[in-house]
Amino acid sequence: MTSLDSAPERAGVSPPADISKPGDRVAQGATVHHGLQVTAAYAWRVIIVAAAVYLLFAVLAKLTLVAVAVFVGLVITACYARWSTSSHTRSPEVCPSR
């Protein structure tokens, strides 16, 4: 029975010596320090997160004008709804409270 991690070897052919086996952290003969590998792994993650934040702010910058217009429209509508339902016997205010 063969392991799922290893490929069957052909007769008379040996695998190259410089290929790492599954589970090896560093290929044989590599001179990269473990700390540098960890730092590089975190650096890629930071780059991806920074790109995602940049894209989020780019989309929000495009939507700022629309968001401000909707907000102002809602404030005007709320003030008008209160003004139109309030009693008209007193002087009208810009945004009266009930």
C-alpha atoms as a PDB file:
ATOM      1  CA  MET A   1       0.000   0.000   0.000  1.00  0.00           C
ATOM      2  CA  THR A   2       1.372   3.422  -0.958  1.00  0.00           C
ATOM      3  CA  SER A   3       1.011   6.686   0.865  1.00  0.00           C
ATOM      4  CA  LEU A   4      -1.118   9.428  -0.658  1.00  0.00           C
ATOM      5  CA  ASP A   5       1.676  11.955  -0.081  1.00  0.00           C
ATOM      6  CA  SER A   6       4.279  10.177  -2.162  1.00  0.00           C
ATOM      7  CA  ALA A   7       4.186   9.445  -5.865  1.00  0.00           C
ATOM      8  CA  PRO A   8       5.060   5.917  -7.013  1.00  0.00           C
ATOM      9  CA  GLU A   9       8.669   5.603  -8.072  1.00  0.00           C
ATOM     10  CA  ARG A  10       9.561   4.051 -11.384  1.00  0.00           C
ATOM     11  CA  ALA A  11      12.107   1.267 -11.412  1.00  0.00           C
ATOM     12  CA  GLY A  12      15.646   2.510 -11.841  1.00  0.00           C
ATOM     13  CA  VAL A  13      14.746   6.210 -11.487  1.00  0.00           C
ATOM     14  CA  SER A  14      15.425   8.082  -8.269  1.00  0.00           C
ATOM     15  CA  PRO A  15      13.925  11.475  -7.427  1.00  0.00           C
ATOM     16  CA  PRO A  16      16.218  14.523  -7.627  1.00  0.00           C
ATOM     17  CA  ALA A  17      18.028  15.280  -4.392  1.00  0.00           C
ATOM     18  CA  ASP A  18      17.228  19.013  -4.379  1.00  0.00           C
ATOM     19  CA  ILE A  19      13.417  18.650  -4.262  1.00  0.00           C
ATOM     20  CA  SER A  20      11.847  19.023  -0.845  1.00  0.00           C
ATOM     21  CA  LYS A  21       9.508  16.411   0.500  1.00  0.00           C
ATOM     22  CA  PRO A  22       5.945  17.256   1.590  1.00  0.00           C
ATOM     23  CA  GLY A  23       6.025  18.674   5.092  1.00  0.00           C
ATOM     24  CA  ASP A  24       9.542  20.160   4.775  1.00  0.00           C
ATOM     25  CA  ARG A  25       9.507  23.821   5.759  1.00  0.00           C
ATOM     26  CA  VAL A  26      12.548  24.833   3.701  1.00  0.00           C
ATOM     27  CA  ALA A  27      14.045  23.121   0.684  1.00  0.00           C
ATOM     28  CA  GLN A  28      17.413  21.513   1.282  1.00  0.00           C
ATOM     29  CA  GLY A  29      20.240  23.917   0.644  1.00  0.00           C
ATOM     30  CA  ALA A  30      18.097  27.036   1.085  1.00  0.00           C
ATOM     31  CA  THR A  31      19.788  29.858   2.964  1.00  0.00           C
ATOM     32  CA  VAL A  32      16.711  31.878   3.898  1.00  0.00           C
ATOM     33  CA  HIS A  33      16.424  32.429   7.630  1.00  0.00           C
ATOM     34  CA  HIS A  34      13.179  31.359   9.306  1.00  0.00           C
ATOM     35  CA  GLY A  35      12.604  34.898  10.649  1.00  0.00           C
ATOM     36  CA  LEU A  36      12.801  36.280   7.125  1.00  0.00           C
ATOM     37  CA  GLN A  37      10.239  33.741   5.929  1.00  0.00           C
ATOM     38  CA  VAL A  38       7.833  34.709   8.716  1.00  0.00           C
ATOM     39  CA  THR A  39       8.357  38.409   8.019  1.00  0.00           C
ATOM     40  CA  ALA A  40       7.709  37.894   4.302  1.00  0.00           C
ATOM     41  CA  ALA A  41       4.509  35.978   5.070  1.00  0.00           C
ATOM     42  CA  TYR A  42       3.216  38.814   7.257  1.00  0.00           C
ATOM     43  CA  ALA A  43       4.315  41.416   4.693  1.00  0.00           C
ATOM     44  CA  TRP A  44       2.119  39.833   2.015  1.00  0.00           C
ATOM     45  CA  ARG A  45      -0.825  39.873   4.391  1.00  0.00           C
ATOM     46  CA  VAL A  46      -0.238  43.545   5.216  1.00  0.00           C
ATOM     47  CA  ILE A  47      -0.033  44.386   1.496  1.00  0.00           C
ATOM     48  CA  ILE A  48      -3.331  42.615   0.816  1.00  0.00           C
ATOM     49  CA  VAL A  49      -5.073  44.351   3.741  1.00  0.00           C
ATOM     50  CA  ALA A  50      -3.690  47.739   2.642  1.00  0.00           C
ATOM     51  CA  ALA A  51      -4.958  47.152  -0.906  1.00  0.00           C
ATOM     52  CA  ALA A  52      -8.408  46.225   0.423  1.00  0.00           C
ATOM     53  CA  VAL A  53      -8.534  49.377   2.593  1.00  0.00           C
ATOM     54  CA  TYR A  54      -7.445  51.498  -0.383  1.00  0.00           C
ATOM     55  CA  LEU A  55     -10.190  50.022  -2.565  1.00  0.00           C
ATOM     56  CA  LEU A  56     -12.756  50.607   0.194  1.00  0.00           C
ATOM     57  CA  PHE A  57     -11.788  54.282   0.489  1.00  0.00           C
ATOM     58  CA  ALA A  58     -11.731  54.661  -3.303  1.00  0.00           C
ATOM     59  CA  VAL A  59     -15.301  53.359  -3.522  1.00  0.00           C
ATOM     60  CA  LEU A  60     -16.402  55.546  -0.607  1.00  0.00           C
ATOM     61  CA  ALA A  61     -14.825  58.587  -2.264  1.00  0.00           C
ATOM     62  CA  LYS A  62     -16.918  57.954  -5.367  1.00  0.00           C
ATOM     63  CA  LEU A  63     -20.075  57.630  -3.266  1.00  0.00           C
ATOM     64  CA  THR A  64     -19.498  60.671  -1.040  1.00  0.00           C
ATOM     65  CA  LEU A  65     -21.446  63.075  -3.233  1.00  0.00           C
ATOM     66  CA  VAL A  66     -24.402  60.704  -3.428  1.00  0.00           C
ATOM     67  CA  ALA A  67     -24.334  60.001   0.320  1.00  0.00           C
ATOM     68  CA  VAL A  68     -24.276  63.702   1.219  1.00  0.00           C
ATOM     69  CA  ALA A  69     -27.153  64.444  -1.159  1.00  0.00           C
ATOM     70  CA  VAL A  70     -29.262  61.622   0.287  1.00  0.00           C
ATOM     71  CA  PHE A  71     -28.514  62.761   3.857  1.00  0.00           C
ATOM     72  CA  VAL A  72     -29.471  66.374   3.122  1.00  0.00           C
ATOM     73  CA  GLY A  73     -32.624  65.175   1.384  1.00  0.00           C
ATOM     74  CA  LEU A  74     -33.612  63.101   4.409  1.00  0.00           C
ATOM     75  CA  VAL A  75     -33.031  66.022   6.799  1.00  0.00           C
ATOM     76  CA  ILE A  76     -35.113  68.372   4.637  1.00  0.00           C
ATOM     77  CA  THR A  77     -37.872  65.768   4.349  1.00  0.00           C
ATOM     78  CA  ALA A  78     -37.935  65.194   8.113  1.00  0.00           C
ATOM     79  CA  CYS A  79     -38.118  68.917   8.817  1.00  0.00           C
ATOM     80  CA  TYR A  80     -40.866  69.408   6.230  1.00  0.00           C
ATOM     81  CA  ALA A  81     -42.883  66.476   7.599  1.00  0.00           C
ATOM     82  CA  ARG A  82     -42.801  67.968  11.096  1.00  0.00           C
ATOM     83  CA  TRP A  83     -43.593  71.445   9.809  1.00  0.00           C
ATOM     84  CA  SER A  84     -46.504  70.291   7.655  1.00  0.00           C
ATOM     85  CA  THR A  85     -48.137  68.288  10.463  1.00  0.00           C
ATOM     86  CA  SER A  86     -47.657  70.892  13.177  1.00  0.00           C
ATOM     87  CA  SER A  87     -50.213  73.506  14.054  1.00  0.00           C
ATOM     88  CA  HIS A  88     -50.148  76.489  11.697  1.00  0.00           C
ATOM     89  CA  THR A  89     -51.428  78.876  14.333  1.00  0.00           C
ATOM     90  CA  ARG A  90     -47.985  79.781  15.551  1.00  0.00           C
ATOM     91  CA  SER A  91     -45.223  81.227  13.394  1.00  0.00           C
ATOM     92  CA  PRO A  92     -43.503  78.654  11.183  1.00  0.00           C
ATOM     93  CA  GLU A  93     -40.032  77.580  12.227  1.00  0.00           C
ATOM     94  CA  VAL A  94     -37.339  76.041  10.086  1.00  0.00           C
ATOM     95  CA  CYS A  95     -37.547  72.667  11.806  1.00  0.00           C
ATOM     96  CA  PRO A  96     -40.071  72.862  14.647  1.00  0.00           C
ATOM     97  CA  SER A  97     -40.179  70.279  17.406  1.00  0.00           C
ATOM     98  CA  ARG A  98     -43.424  68.724  18.577  1.00  0.00           C
END
